[in-house]
Amino acid sequence: MDLAEVTCPTCFEPFQVPLPAAPETPCDLDYDCEVCCRPMVISVYEDGGDLFAEARGIHD
């Protein structure tokens, strides 16, 4: 299982999340920060064969 590091848009703490399989991307995942528990959306996308993840607040 591949992991990606994201940074919480609320508390700015980094943490790792498991990535879905490449055929399931691009996708948006509803996720709660593992540090402050605030909700966020993590966008997972493929670029050049690599998977990337970006976190944003639910109201961004």
N, C-alpha and C. Protein backbone atom coordinates (compact mmCIF):
# COMPACT_ATOMS: atom_id res chain seq x y z
N MET A 1 0.85 -1.17 0.00
CA MET A 1 0.00 0.00 0.00
C MET A 1 0.90 1.24 0.00
N ASP A 2 0.63 2.13 -0.93
CA ASP A 2 1.39 3.38 -1.01
C ASP A 2 0.80 4.41 -0.06
N LEU A 3 1.68 5.23 0.50
CA LEU A 3 1.30 6.30 1.40
C LEU A 3 1.74 7.63 0.81
N ALA A 4 1.00 8.68 1.12
CA ALA A 4 1.38 10.04 0.72
C ALA A 4 1.30 10.93 1.95
N GLU A 5 2.21 11.88 2.05
CA GLU A 5 2.15 12.84 3.14
C GLU A 5 1.33 14.03 2.71
N VAL A 6 0.40 14.43 3.57
CA VAL A 6 -0.40 15.63 3.34
C VAL A 6 -0.26 16.52 4.57
N THR A 7 -0.58 17.78 4.41
CA THR A 7 -0.55 18.73 5.52
C THR A 7 -1.96 19.24 5.76
N CYS A 8 -2.39 19.17 7.00
CA CYS A 8 -3.73 19.62 7.36
C CYS A 8 -3.86 21.11 7.07
N PRO A 9 -4.92 21.52 6.37
CA PRO A 9 -5.11 22.94 6.08
C PRO A 9 -5.57 23.75 7.30
N THR A 10 -5.90 23.08 8.41
CA THR A 10 -6.35 23.77 9.62
C THR A 10 -5.22 23.92 10.63
N CYS A 11 -4.58 22.80 11.00
CA CYS A 11 -3.53 22.86 12.03
C CYS A 11 -2.12 22.84 11.44
N PHE A 12 -2.02 22.60 10.13
CA PHE A 12 -0.75 22.62 9.39
C PHE A 12 0.23 21.52 9.81
N GLU A 13 -0.30 20.47 10.44
CA GLU A 13 0.54 19.32 10.82
C GLU A 13 0.55 18.31 9.68
N PRO A 14 1.71 17.77 9.33
CA PRO A 14 1.77 16.74 8.29
C PRO A 14 1.44 15.36 8.87
N PHE A 15 0.85 14.51 8.03
CA PHE A 15 0.61 13.12 8.38
C PHE A 15 0.46 12.34 7.08
N GLN A 16 0.50 11.01 7.17
CA GLN A 16 0.43 10.18 5.99
C GLN A 16 -0.94 9.54 5.84
N VAL A 17 -1.36 9.41 4.58
CA VAL A 17 -2.63 8.76 4.26
C VAL A 17 -2.38 7.66 3.23
N PRO A 18 -3.15 6.58 3.30
CA PRO A 18 -3.03 5.53 2.27
C PRO A 18 -3.64 6.02 0.96
N LEU A 19 -3.00 5.68 -0.13
CA LEU A 19 -3.49 6.08 -1.45
C LEU A 19 -4.32 4.96 -2.08
N PRO A 20 -5.37 5.32 -2.80
CA PRO A 20 -6.12 4.30 -3.52
C PRO A 20 -5.29 3.77 -4.70
N ALA A 21 -5.73 2.68 -5.27
CA ALA A 21 -5.05 2.12 -6.43
C ALA A 21 -5.14 3.09 -7.61
N ALA A 22 -4.14 3.10 -8.46
CA ALA A 22 -4.08 4.03 -9.59
C ALA A 22 -5.35 4.02 -10.45
N PRO A 23 -5.97 2.85 -10.73
CA PRO A 23 -7.19 2.88 -11.56
C PRO A 23 -8.36 3.63 -10.91
N GLU A 24 -8.29 3.87 -9.61
CA GLU A 24 -9.35 4.58 -8.90
C GLU A 24 -9.13 6.09 -8.84
N THR A 25 -8.09 6.57 -9.49
CA THR A 25 -7.80 8.00 -9.47
C THR A 25 -8.09 8.62 -10.83
N PRO A 26 -8.35 9.89 -10.90
CA PRO A 26 -8.37 10.87 -9.81
C PRO A 26 -9.62 10.68 -8.94
N CYS A 27 -9.49 11.10 -7.68
CA CYS A 27 -10.63 11.02 -6.76
C CYS A 27 -10.44 12.01 -5.62
N ASP A 28 -11.53 12.28 -4.93
CA ASP A 28 -11.52 13.10 -3.73
C ASP A 28 -11.95 12.22 -2.56
N LEU A 29 -11.22 12.30 -1.46
CA LEU A 29 -11.51 11.51 -0.28
C LEU A 29 -11.90 12.43 0.87
N ASP A 30 -13.01 12.15 1.54
CA ASP A 30 -13.37 12.86 2.76
C ASP A 30 -12.51 12.27 3.87
N TYR A 31 -11.85 13.12 4.63
CA TYR A 31 -10.88 12.64 5.62
C TYR A 31 -10.88 13.58 6.81
N ASP A 32 -10.64 13.05 7.98
CA ASP A 32 -10.46 13.87 9.18
C ASP A 32 -8.98 13.89 9.53
N CYS A 33 -8.48 15.06 9.88
CA CYS A 33 -7.08 15.19 10.26
C CYS A 33 -6.76 14.24 11.40
N GLU A 34 -5.63 13.56 11.30
CA GLU A 34 -5.21 12.63 12.33
C GLU A 34 -4.64 13.34 13.55
N VAL A 35 -4.45 14.66 13.47
CA VAL A 35 -3.90 15.42 14.59
C VAL A 35 -5.01 16.21 15.28
N CYS A 36 -5.73 17.06 14.53
CA CYS A 36 -6.75 17.93 15.14
C CYS A 36 -8.19 17.47 14.88
N CYS A 37 -8.36 16.44 14.07
CA CYS A 37 -9.67 15.83 13.77
C CYS A 37 -10.60 16.72 12.95
N ARG A 38 -10.10 17.80 12.37
CA ARG A 38 -10.94 18.66 11.54
C ARG A 38 -11.15 17.99 10.18
N PRO A 39 -12.33 18.17 9.58
CA PRO A 39 -12.60 17.55 8.27
C PRO A 39 -11.85 18.25 7.15
N MET A 40 -11.52 17.46 6.13
CA MET A 40 -10.85 18.00 4.94
C MET A 40 -11.19 17.11 3.76
N VAL A 41 -10.80 17.55 2.60
CA VAL A 41 -10.92 16.75 1.38
C VAL A 41 -9.50 16.55 0.86
N ILE A 42 -9.18 15.30 0.56
CA ILE A 42 -7.87 14.98 -0.01
C ILE A 42 -8.08 14.59 -1.46
N SER A 43 -7.50 15.37 -2.36
CA SER A 43 -7.56 15.08 -3.80
C SER A 43 -6.37 14.22 -4.17
N VAL A 44 -6.65 13.09 -4.80
CA VAL A 44 -5.59 12.17 -5.24
C VAL A 44 -5.61 12.15 -6.76
N TYR A 45 -4.44 12.32 -7.35
CA TYR A 45 -4.34 12.35 -8.81
C TYR A 45 -3.04 11.71 -9.25
N GLU A 46 -3.00 11.35 -10.51
CA GLU A 46 -1.81 10.72 -11.09
C GLU A 46 -1.15 11.72 -12.03
N ASP A 47 0.17 11.75 -11.98
CA ASP A 47 0.93 12.61 -12.88
C ASP A 47 2.20 11.87 -13.26
N GLY A 48 2.32 11.52 -14.51
CA GLY A 48 3.52 10.84 -14.98
C GLY A 48 3.72 9.47 -14.36
N GLY A 49 2.62 8.81 -14.02
CA GLY A 49 2.71 7.48 -13.44
C GLY A 49 2.85 7.46 -11.93
N ASP A 50 3.00 8.62 -11.30
CA ASP A 50 3.10 8.71 -9.84
C ASP A 50 1.80 9.25 -9.28
N LEU A 51 1.44 8.82 -8.07
CA LEU A 51 0.25 9.31 -7.40
C LEU A 51 0.63 10.42 -6.43
N PHE A 52 -0.20 11.44 -6.38
CA PHE A 52 0.00 12.59 -5.50
C PHE A 52 -1.29 12.87 -4.74
N ALA A 53 -1.17 13.48 -3.57
CA ALA A 53 -2.32 13.83 -2.77
C ALA A 53 -2.16 15.26 -2.24
N GLU A 54 -3.27 15.99 -2.24
CA GLU A 54 -3.30 17.36 -1.71
C GLU A 54 -4.52 17.50 -0.81
N ALA A 55 -4.32 18.09 0.35
CA ALA A 55 -5.43 18.29 1.29
C ALA A 55 -5.90 19.73 1.21
N ARG A 56 -7.22 19.90 1.35
CA ARG A 56 -7.80 21.25 1.40
C ARG A 56 -8.99 21.22 2.37
N GLY A 57 -9.31 22.38 2.89
CA GLY A 57 -10.46 22.47 3.78
C GLY A 57 -11.75 22.17 3.03
N ILE A 58 -12.78 21.79 3.74
CA ILE A 58 -14.01 21.40 3.06
C ILE A 58 -14.74 22.59 2.45
N HIS A 59 -14.37 23.80 2.83
CA HIS A 59 -15.03 24.98 2.28
C HIS A 59 -14.16 25.74 1.30
N ASP A 60 -13.01 25.17 0.90
CA ASP A 60 -12.10 25.85 -0.04
C ASP A 60 -12.59 25.70 -1.46
